Every structure is written in C-alpha cells, then in structure tokens.
Amino acid sequence: MIKINVLVGDKSWKKILINPETYIKRKVKKLSNDNYFKNKNIEFSILLTGNKKIKLLNQKFRKNNTSTDVLSFPYLEKKELKKKLKNKDTFYLGDIALNINKILNKKDNKKSKEKFNKLLIHGLTHLLGGRHKIYNDFINMQKLETKFLKSIN
C-alpha cells in the first residue's frame, strides 16, 4: 500500500490538473499494483509549487540558487531504506516538490501531464534510493522509471 499526502502550494497547477490530489492518488493507486510495491507499506508527500518556492528549497537544502523542475528529499539513507523495504511495516519515504513553471506546456495540456508523470516517477525513484551521478546507478534508475511509468499509464 502506498499512502500519499498532496499539498497544492500554487493555484497554477489547476491549469494541468483540475483536481491535483485526485489525479495523483489515482496514479499512485495504479503504481501500488506494481510488483515492486507488493507487500510494502510506504508513505510520501508531494508539494506542488512554483518557481519561487522551489528555488528557495533548492537554495536551502542543495545550496543551489536556481529554480528546478523536481526536488526529492529522501527520509532514509540507502542502507536503512533497503531494510525497511524488506519489512511490512509502514514507513515514510520522504518528500517531493514539483515546479509547475517547468512542467506547464501552454499549448498542449497532454504534454504537461506526461512531463508531470515522468517527474513524479523520477522524484519517487530518488526517494527509493535512485541516483544518477554514477553511470550504473543512472541506468538502474532509468529502468525503474520506465517500469513505473508503464504501471501508471
């Protein structure tokens, strides 16, 4: 089971998703049927925000004074995460922040949703320990993202 908390911090999100919380929960429900999540009880949060807030978060936590499309804040170190994923206990994965200004395609709402889905999954794979600084980690992360995207589409 996957439990998700959604906070809409920027009203512009309604340009892509009429009801962001319902849309995300539907996608996550599909994802929870994937074998990767069978017998796992996880929880994570998503902040739907804009340039200003994500830039502040990026500066505060990553020491990077720029706006970005997605930020992930894993709650657990990779070693502890692996242990937790083997148990059936509920645990908190972390937080994801998504930036509407980097996702919104004013000409094509379908493309905006596709980009949103990709970034949601990208953020989630980071919470699950994914990294892309080392080539092998990048390849493994890409495979997991592709698998998860198939589950939600």
N, C-alpha and C. Protein backbone atom coordinates (compact mmCIF):
# COMPACT_ATOMS: atom_id res chain seq x y z
N MET A 1 0.84 -1.18 0.00
CA MET A 1 0.00 0.00 0.00
C MET A 1 0.89 1.24 0.00
N ILE A 2 0.49 2.21 -0.77
CA ILE A 2 1.20 3.49 -0.81
C ILE A 2 0.24 4.57 -0.34
N LYS A 3 0.67 5.31 0.66
CA LYS A 3 -0.12 6.45 1.13
C LYS A 3 0.61 7.71 0.69
N ILE A 4 -0.17 8.65 0.17
CA ILE A 4 0.44 9.88 -0.34
C ILE A 4 -0.27 11.10 0.23
N ASN A 5 0.52 12.09 0.57
CA ASN A 5 0.00 13.38 1.03
C ASN A 5 0.31 14.40 -0.05
N VAL A 6 -0.70 15.14 -0.48
CA VAL A 6 -0.51 16.13 -1.54
C VAL A 6 -0.84 17.52 -1.01
N LEU A 7 0.09 18.45 -1.22
CA LEU A 7 -0.12 19.84 -0.85
C LEU A 7 0.02 20.69 -2.11
N VAL A 8 -1.05 21.40 -2.45
CA VAL A 8 -1.03 22.28 -3.62
C VAL A 8 -0.68 23.68 -3.13
N GLY A 9 0.55 24.09 -3.42
CA GLY A 9 1.04 25.38 -2.96
C GLY A 9 0.97 26.47 -4.01
N ASP A 10 0.52 26.13 -5.21
CA ASP A 10 0.42 27.10 -6.30
C ASP A 10 -0.83 26.78 -7.12
N LYS A 11 -1.72 27.75 -7.23
CA LYS A 11 -3.00 27.54 -7.92
C LYS A 11 -2.84 27.26 -9.41
N SER A 12 -1.70 27.58 -9.98
CA SER A 12 -1.45 27.34 -11.41
C SER A 12 -1.52 25.86 -11.76
N TRP A 13 -1.38 25.00 -10.77
CA TRP A 13 -1.45 23.56 -11.03
C TRP A 13 -2.81 23.15 -11.61
N LYS A 14 -3.83 23.93 -11.33
CA LYS A 14 -5.16 23.58 -11.84
C LYS A 14 -5.25 23.76 -13.35
N LYS A 15 -4.24 24.41 -13.96
CA LYS A 15 -4.19 24.54 -15.42
C LYS A 15 -3.89 23.18 -16.06
N ILE A 16 -3.18 22.33 -15.33
CA ILE A 16 -2.84 21.00 -15.84
C ILE A 16 -3.80 19.96 -15.27
N LEU A 17 -3.99 20.02 -13.97
CA LEU A 17 -4.77 19.01 -13.25
C LEU A 17 -5.94 19.69 -12.55
N ILE A 18 -7.15 19.41 -12.98
CA ILE A 18 -8.33 20.06 -12.39
C ILE A 18 -8.39 19.78 -10.89
N ASN A 19 -8.17 18.53 -10.52
CA ASN A 19 -8.11 18.16 -9.11
C ASN A 19 -6.80 17.40 -8.89
N PRO A 20 -5.72 18.14 -8.58
CA PRO A 20 -4.40 17.52 -8.47
C PRO A 20 -4.33 16.34 -7.51
N GLU A 21 -4.95 16.46 -6.36
CA GLU A 21 -4.88 15.39 -5.36
C GLU A 21 -5.50 14.09 -5.88
N THR A 22 -6.67 14.20 -6.51
CA THR A 22 -7.35 13.02 -7.07
C THR A 22 -6.52 12.40 -8.18
N TYR A 23 -5.99 13.23 -9.07
CA TYR A 23 -5.18 12.74 -10.19
C TYR A 23 -3.97 11.96 -9.66
N ILE A 24 -3.26 12.54 -8.72
CA ILE A 24 -2.05 11.91 -8.18
C ILE A 24 -2.40 10.62 -7.45
N LYS A 25 -3.45 10.64 -6.66
CA LYS A 25 -3.83 9.44 -5.92
C LYS A 25 -4.23 8.30 -6.87
N ARG A 26 -4.85 8.63 -8.00
CA ARG A 26 -5.19 7.61 -8.99
C ARG A 26 -3.92 6.98 -9.58
N LYS A 27 -2.96 7.83 -9.89
CA LYS A 27 -1.69 7.34 -10.45
C LYS A 27 -0.96 6.46 -9.43
N VAL A 28 -0.94 6.91 -8.19
CA VAL A 28 -0.25 6.16 -7.13
C VAL A 28 -0.95 4.83 -6.86
N LYS A 29 -2.27 4.82 -6.97
CA LYS A 29 -3.01 3.56 -6.78
C LYS A 29 -2.61 2.55 -7.85
N LYS A 30 -2.49 3.01 -9.10
CA LYS A 30 -2.03 2.12 -10.17
C LYS A 30 -0.61 1.62 -9.88
N LEU A 31 0.22 2.52 -9.40
CA LEU A 31 1.60 2.18 -9.09
C LEU A 31 1.69 1.14 -7.98
N SER A 32 0.79 1.22 -7.03
CA SER A 32 0.84 0.29 -5.90
C SER A 32 0.54 -1.15 -6.33
N ASN A 33 -0.01 -1.33 -7.54
CA ASN A 33 -0.25 -2.67 -8.07
C ASN A 33 1.01 -3.28 -8.70
N ASP A 34 2.03 -2.46 -8.90
CA ASP A 34 3.29 -2.96 -9.46
C ASP A 34 3.95 -3.91 -8.45
N ASN A 35 4.55 -4.98 -8.95
CA ASN A 35 5.20 -5.98 -8.08
C ASN A 35 6.21 -5.37 -7.12
N TYR A 36 6.86 -4.29 -7.54
CA TYR A 36 7.86 -3.63 -6.69
C TYR A 36 7.25 -3.21 -5.35
N PHE A 37 5.98 -2.83 -5.38
CA PHE A 37 5.33 -2.30 -4.18
C PHE A 37 4.44 -3.31 -3.46
N LYS A 38 4.36 -4.53 -3.99
CA LYS A 38 3.54 -5.56 -3.32
C LYS A 38 4.09 -5.80 -1.92
N ASN A 39 3.19 -5.90 -0.97
CA ASN A 39 3.53 -6.16 0.44
C ASN A 39 4.42 -5.09 1.07
N LYS A 40 4.38 -3.89 0.51
CA LYS A 40 5.14 -2.78 1.09
C LYS A 40 4.15 -1.70 1.53
N ASN A 41 4.41 -1.10 2.66
CA ASN A 41 3.57 -0.02 3.17
C ASN A 41 4.42 1.23 3.29
N ILE A 42 4.28 2.09 2.30
CA ILE A 42 5.10 3.29 2.30
C ILE A 42 4.22 4.53 2.24
N GLU A 43 4.83 5.63 2.64
CA GLU A 43 4.14 6.92 2.62
C GLU A 43 5.13 7.97 2.14
N PHE A 44 4.64 8.92 1.35
CA PHE A 44 5.46 10.06 0.96
C PHE A 44 4.57 11.26 0.69
N SER A 45 5.18 12.43 0.60
CA SER A 45 4.44 13.67 0.38
C SER A 45 4.90 14.35 -0.89
N ILE A 46 3.96 15.08 -1.49
CA ILE A 46 4.26 15.86 -2.69
C ILE A 46 3.80 17.30 -2.47
N LEU A 47 4.70 18.22 -2.78
CA LEU A 47 4.37 19.64 -2.78
C LEU A 47 4.32 20.09 -4.23
N LEU A 48 3.17 20.61 -4.65
CA LEU A 48 3.01 21.16 -5.99
C LEU A 48 3.19 22.67 -5.87
N THR A 49 4.28 23.18 -6.42
CA THR A 49 4.65 24.56 -6.18
C THR A 49 5.08 25.24 -7.47
N GLY A 50 5.67 26.42 -7.35
CA GLY A 50 6.14 27.19 -8.49
C GLY A 50 7.61 27.56 -8.35
N ASN A 51 8.08 28.42 -9.26
CA ASN A 51 9.50 28.80 -9.31
C ASN A 51 10.04 29.34 -8.00
N LYS A 52 9.30 30.27 -7.40
CA LYS A 52 9.81 30.96 -6.21
C LYS A 52 10.09 29.99 -5.05
N LYS A 53 9.11 29.16 -4.73
CA LYS A 53 9.24 28.23 -3.60
C LYS A 53 10.29 27.16 -3.87
N ILE A 54 10.31 26.62 -5.08
CA ILE A 54 11.27 25.55 -5.37
C ILE A 54 12.70 26.10 -5.38
N LYS A 55 12.84 27.34 -5.81
CA LYS A 55 14.17 27.97 -5.78
C LYS A 55 14.63 28.13 -4.33
N LEU A 56 13.72 28.54 -3.45
CA LEU A 56 14.06 28.65 -2.02
C LEU A 56 14.46 27.30 -1.43
N LEU A 57 13.70 26.26 -1.77
CA LEU A 57 14.02 24.91 -1.27
C LEU A 57 15.36 24.44 -1.82
N ASN A 58 15.60 24.70 -3.09
CA ASN A 58 16.85 24.30 -3.73
C ASN A 58 18.04 25.01 -3.07
N GLN A 59 17.87 26.28 -2.77
CA GLN A 59 18.92 27.06 -2.11
C GLN A 59 19.16 26.55 -0.69
N LYS A 60 18.09 26.35 0.05
CA LYS A 60 18.20 25.95 1.46
C LYS A 60 18.81 24.56 1.63
N PHE A 61 18.35 23.61 0.82
CA PHE A 61 18.75 22.21 1.04
C PHE A 61 19.84 21.70 0.10
N ARG A 62 20.00 22.33 -1.06
CA ARG A 62 21.00 21.87 -2.03
C ARG A 62 22.10 22.91 -2.28
N LYS A 63 21.94 24.08 -1.67
CA LYS A 63 22.90 25.18 -1.86
C LYS A 63 23.03 25.55 -3.34
N ASN A 64 21.91 25.48 -4.05
CA ASN A 64 21.86 25.79 -5.47
C ASN A 64 20.80 26.88 -5.67
N ASN A 65 21.21 28.07 -6.05
CA ASN A 65 20.31 29.21 -6.12
C ASN A 65 19.60 29.32 -7.47
N THR A 66 18.98 28.22 -7.91
CA THR A 66 18.24 28.22 -9.17
C THR A 66 16.92 27.49 -8.99
N SER A 67 16.02 27.77 -9.91
CA SER A 67 14.76 27.05 -9.96
C SER A 67 15.03 25.72 -10.67
N THR A 68 14.25 24.70 -10.36
CA THR A 68 14.40 23.39 -10.99
C THR A 68 13.03 22.76 -11.17
N ASP A 69 12.96 21.64 -11.87
CA ASP A 69 11.67 21.01 -12.12
C ASP A 69 11.19 20.14 -10.97
N VAL A 70 12.10 19.40 -10.33
CA VAL A 70 11.72 18.49 -9.25
C VAL A 70 12.84 18.40 -8.22
N LEU A 71 12.45 18.34 -6.98
CA LEU A 71 13.38 18.09 -5.87
C LEU A 71 12.85 16.91 -5.07
N SER A 72 13.76 16.06 -4.63
CA SER A 72 13.38 14.93 -3.78
C SER A 72 14.19 14.99 -2.50
N PHE A 73 13.52 14.70 -1.40
CA PHE A 73 14.15 14.72 -0.10
C PHE A 73 13.91 13.38 0.60
N PRO A 74 14.78 12.39 0.34
CA PRO A 74 14.61 11.08 0.97
C PRO A 74 14.73 11.19 2.48
N TYR A 75 13.89 10.46 3.17
CA TYR A 75 13.87 10.46 4.62
C TYR A 75 14.91 9.50 5.19
N LEU A 76 15.21 8.44 4.43
CA LEU A 76 16.11 7.39 4.92
C LEU A 76 17.37 7.30 4.07
N GLU A 77 18.46 6.89 4.71
CA GLU A 77 19.68 6.57 3.98
C GLU A 77 19.45 5.27 3.23
N LYS A 78 20.23 5.03 2.19
CA LYS A 78 20.02 3.87 1.32
C LYS A 78 20.04 2.53 2.08
N LYS A 79 20.98 2.37 3.01
CA LYS A 79 21.09 1.12 3.77
C LYS A 79 19.83 0.86 4.59
N GLU A 80 19.38 1.90 5.29
CA GLU A 80 18.18 1.76 6.13
C GLU A 80 16.94 1.54 5.26
N LEU A 81 16.90 2.20 4.11
CA LEU A 81 15.79 2.04 3.18
C LEU A 81 15.65 0.59 2.73
N LYS A 82 16.78 -0.05 2.38
CA LYS A 82 16.75 -1.45 1.94
C LYS A 82 16.15 -2.35 3.01
N LYS A 83 16.52 -2.11 4.26
CA LYS A 83 15.97 -2.91 5.37
C LYS A 83 14.46 -2.70 5.48
N LYS A 84 14.05 -1.44 5.42
CA LYS A 84 12.63 -1.11 5.56
C LYS A 84 11.79 -1.71 4.42
N LEU A 85 12.34 -1.71 3.22
CA LEU A 85 11.61 -2.25 2.07
C LEU A 85 11.37 -3.75 2.20
N LYS A 86 12.19 -4.43 2.99
CA LYS A 86 12.00 -5.88 3.21
C LYS A 86 10.92 -6.16 4.24
N ASN A 87 10.67 -5.22 5.14
CA ASN A 87 9.64 -5.39 6.17
C ASN A 87 8.27 -5.03 5.63
N LYS A 88 7.24 -5.37 6.39
CA LYS A 88 5.88 -4.99 6.01
C LYS A 88 5.39 -3.81 6.82
N ASP A 89 6.26 -3.25 7.65
CA ASP A 89 5.89 -2.09 8.46
C ASP A 89 5.72 -0.86 7.57
N THR A 90 4.84 0.03 7.97
CA THR A 90 4.67 1.29 7.25
C THR A 90 5.84 2.21 7.60
N PHE A 91 6.38 2.87 6.59
CA PHE A 91 7.45 3.83 6.85
C PHE A 91 7.36 4.98 5.86
N TYR A 92 7.99 6.10 6.24
CA TYR A 92 7.93 7.32 5.46
C TYR A 92 9.13 7.38 4.52
N LEU A 93 8.87 7.54 3.22
CA LEU A 93 9.94 7.61 2.22
C LEU A 93 10.59 8.99 2.14
N GLY A 94 9.77 10.05 2.18
CA GLY A 94 10.32 11.39 2.04
C GLY A 94 9.35 12.32 1.32
N ASP A 95 9.91 13.39 0.76
CA ASP A 95 9.11 14.44 0.14
C ASP A 95 9.60 14.72 -1.28
N ILE A 96 8.64 15.10 -2.12
CA ILE A 96 8.93 15.50 -3.49
C ILE A 96 8.30 16.87 -3.70
N ALA A 97 9.04 17.79 -4.32
CA ALA A 97 8.50 19.10 -4.71
C ALA A 97 8.56 19.19 -6.23
N LEU A 98 7.44 19.57 -6.84
CA LEU A 98 7.35 19.69 -8.30
C LEU A 98 7.00 21.13 -8.67
N ASN A 99 7.66 21.65 -9.71
CA ASN A 99 7.52 23.04 -10.13
C ASN A 99 6.64 23.16 -11.37
N ILE A 100 5.48 23.78 -11.22
CA ILE A 100 4.53 23.98 -12.32
C ILE A 100 5.16 24.74 -13.48
N ASN A 101 6.02 25.71 -13.19
CA ASN A 101 6.60 26.55 -14.24
C ASN A 101 7.54 25.79 -15.17
N LYS A 102 8.06 24.68 -14.72
CA LYS A 102 8.95 23.86 -15.55
C LYS A 102 8.18 22.73 -16.25
N ILE A 103 6.92 22.55 -15.87
CA ILE A 103 6.13 21.45 -16.40
C ILE A 103 5.05 21.92 -17.37
N LEU A 104 4.47 23.07 -17.11
CA LEU A 104 3.34 23.57 -17.90
C LEU A 104 3.73 23.85 -19.35
N ASN A 105 3.00 23.22 -20.27
CA ASN A 105 3.12 23.49 -21.69
C ASN A 105 1.80 24.14 -22.10
N LYS A 106 1.82 25.45 -22.28
CA LYS A 106 0.58 26.20 -22.52
C LYS A 106 -0.15 25.77 -23.78
N LYS A 107 0.57 25.21 -24.73
CA LYS A 107 -0.05 24.80 -26.00
C LYS A 107 -0.61 23.39 -25.96
N ASP A 108 -0.12 22.57 -25.03
CA ASP A 108 -0.51 21.15 -25.05
C ASP A 108 -0.58 20.59 -23.63
N ASN A 109 -1.81 20.51 -23.11
CA ASN A 109 -2.01 20.02 -21.74
C ASN A 109 -1.60 18.55 -21.60
N LYS A 110 -1.77 17.77 -22.67
CA LYS A 110 -1.38 16.34 -22.62
C LYS A 110 0.12 16.21 -22.37
N LYS A 111 0.91 17.05 -23.03
CA LYS A 111 2.36 17.02 -22.82
C LYS A 111 2.71 17.44 -21.40
N SER A 112 1.96 18.37 -20.86
CA SER A 112 2.19 18.80 -19.47
C SER A 112 1.96 17.63 -18.52
N LYS A 113 0.88 16.88 -18.74
CA LYS A 113 0.59 15.72 -17.88
C LYS A 113 1.65 14.64 -18.03
N GLU A 114 2.12 14.42 -19.26
CA GLU A 114 3.18 13.42 -19.48
C GLU A 114 4.45 13.82 -18.75
N LYS A 115 4.80 15.09 -18.83
CA LYS A 115 6.01 15.57 -18.14
C LYS A 115 5.82 15.46 -16.63
N PHE A 116 4.63 15.81 -16.16
CA PHE A 116 4.33 15.68 -14.74
C PHE A 116 4.52 14.24 -14.28
N ASN A 117 3.94 13.29 -15.03
CA ASN A 117 4.06 11.87 -14.68
C ASN A 117 5.53 11.44 -14.61
N LYS A 118 6.31 11.85 -15.60
CA LYS A 118 7.74 11.50 -15.63
C LYS A 118 8.47 12.06 -14.41
N LEU A 119 8.18 13.31 -14.07
CA LEU A 119 8.88 13.93 -12.94
C LEU A 119 8.41 13.37 -11.60
N LEU A 120 7.14 13.01 -11.51
CA LEU A 120 6.63 12.36 -10.31
C LEU A 120 7.38 11.05 -10.08
N ILE A 121 7.49 10.25 -11.13
CA ILE A 121 8.20 8.97 -11.04
C ILE A 121 9.69 9.19 -10.78
N HIS A 122 10.27 10.18 -11.43
CA HIS A 122 11.69 10.49 -11.21
C HIS A 122 11.93 10.83 -9.74
N GLY A 123 11.08 11.68 -9.20
CA GLY A 123 11.20 12.04 -7.79
C GLY A 123 11.04 10.84 -6.87
N LEU A 124 10.09 9.97 -7.20
CA LEU A 124 9.85 8.78 -6.39
C LEU A 124 11.05 7.83 -6.43
N THR A 125 11.66 7.66 -7.61
CA THR A 125 12.82 6.77 -7.68
C THR A 125 13.98 7.31 -6.85
N HIS A 126 14.08 8.62 -6.75
CA HIS A 126 15.10 9.20 -5.85
C HIS A 126 14.78 8.85 -4.39
N LEU A 127 13.51 8.92 -4.02
CA LEU A 127 13.13 8.55 -2.64
C LEU A 127 13.44 7.09 -2.37
N LEU A 128 13.42 6.28 -3.41
CA LEU A 128 13.70 4.84 -3.28
C LEU A 128 15.19 4.53 -3.43
N GLY A 129 16.01 5.56 -3.36
CA GLY A 129 17.46 5.36 -3.37
C GLY A 129 18.14 5.56 -4.71
N GLY A 130 17.38 5.93 -5.73
CA GLY A 130 17.96 6.13 -7.06
C GLY A 130 18.88 7.34 -7.12
N ARG A 131 19.97 7.18 -7.84
CA ARG A 131 20.94 8.26 -8.05
C ARG A 131 21.34 8.25 -9.52
N HIS A 132 21.77 9.41 -10.03
CA HIS A 132 22.20 9.41 -11.42
C HIS A 132 23.56 10.06 -11.62
N LYS A 133 24.38 10.09 -10.59
CA LYS A 133 25.73 10.63 -10.73
C LYS A 133 26.70 9.58 -11.27
N ILE A 134 26.46 8.31 -10.94
CA ILE A 134 27.29 7.21 -11.42
C ILE A 134 26.51 6.49 -12.52
N TYR A 135 27.18 6.16 -13.61
CA TYR A 135 26.52 5.62 -14.80
C TYR A 135 25.64 4.41 -14.49
N ASN A 136 26.15 3.42 -13.77
CA ASN A 136 25.37 2.22 -13.47
C ASN A 136 24.12 2.55 -12.65
N ASP A 137 24.25 3.47 -11.70
CA ASP A 137 23.09 3.90 -10.92
C ASP A 137 22.07 4.58 -11.82
N PHE A 138 22.57 5.38 -12.76
CA PHE A 138 21.71 6.08 -13.71
C PHE A 138 20.90 5.08 -14.55
N ILE A 139 21.58 4.04 -15.05
CA ILE A 139 20.91 3.02 -15.87
C ILE A 139 19.85 2.29 -15.06
N ASN A 140 20.18 1.90 -13.83
CA ASN A 140 19.21 1.22 -12.96
C ASN A 140 18.02 2.11 -12.64
N MET A 141 18.29 3.38 -12.42
CA MET A 141 17.22 4.33 -12.12
C MET A 141 16.31 4.48 -13.34
N GLN A 142 16.90 4.56 -14.52
CA GLN A 142 16.12 4.68 -15.75
C GLN A 142 15.21 3.48 -15.96
N LYS A 143 15.73 2.29 -15.70
CA LYS A 143 14.93 1.06 -15.85
C LYS A 143 13.73 1.09 -14.90
N LEU A 144 13.98 1.49 -13.66
CA LEU A 144 12.90 1.56 -12.67
C LEU A 144 11.86 2.60 -13.07
N GLU A 145 12.33 3.75 -13.56
CA GLU A 145 11.41 4.80 -14.00
C GLU A 145 10.53 4.30 -15.16
N THR A 146 11.14 3.62 -16.12
CA THR A 146 10.39 3.09 -17.27
C THR A 146 9.33 2.11 -16.79
N LYS A 147 9.71 1.24 -15.88
CA LYS A 147 8.78 0.24 -15.32
C LYS A 147 7.61 0.92 -14.62
N PHE A 148 7.91 1.92 -13.79
CA PHE A 148 6.87 2.62 -13.04
C PHE A 148 5.96 3.42 -13.96
N LEU A 149 6.53 4.05 -14.99
CA LEU A 149 5.71 4.82 -15.93
C LEU A 149 4.72 3.91 -16.66
N LYS A 150 5.15 2.71 -17.01
CA LYS A 150 4.24 1.76 -17.65
C LYS A 150 3.09 1.41 -16.70
N SER A 151 3.39 1.33 -15.42
CA SER A 151 2.35 0.99 -14.43
C SER A 151 1.28 2.07 -14.30
N ILE A 152 1.68 3.33 -14.44
CA ILE A 152 0.70 4.40 -14.20
C ILE A 152 0.00 4.87 -15.46
N ASN A 153 0.52 4.51 -16.63
CA ASN A 153 -0.12 4.96 -17.89
C ASN A 153 -1.13 3.96 -18.39
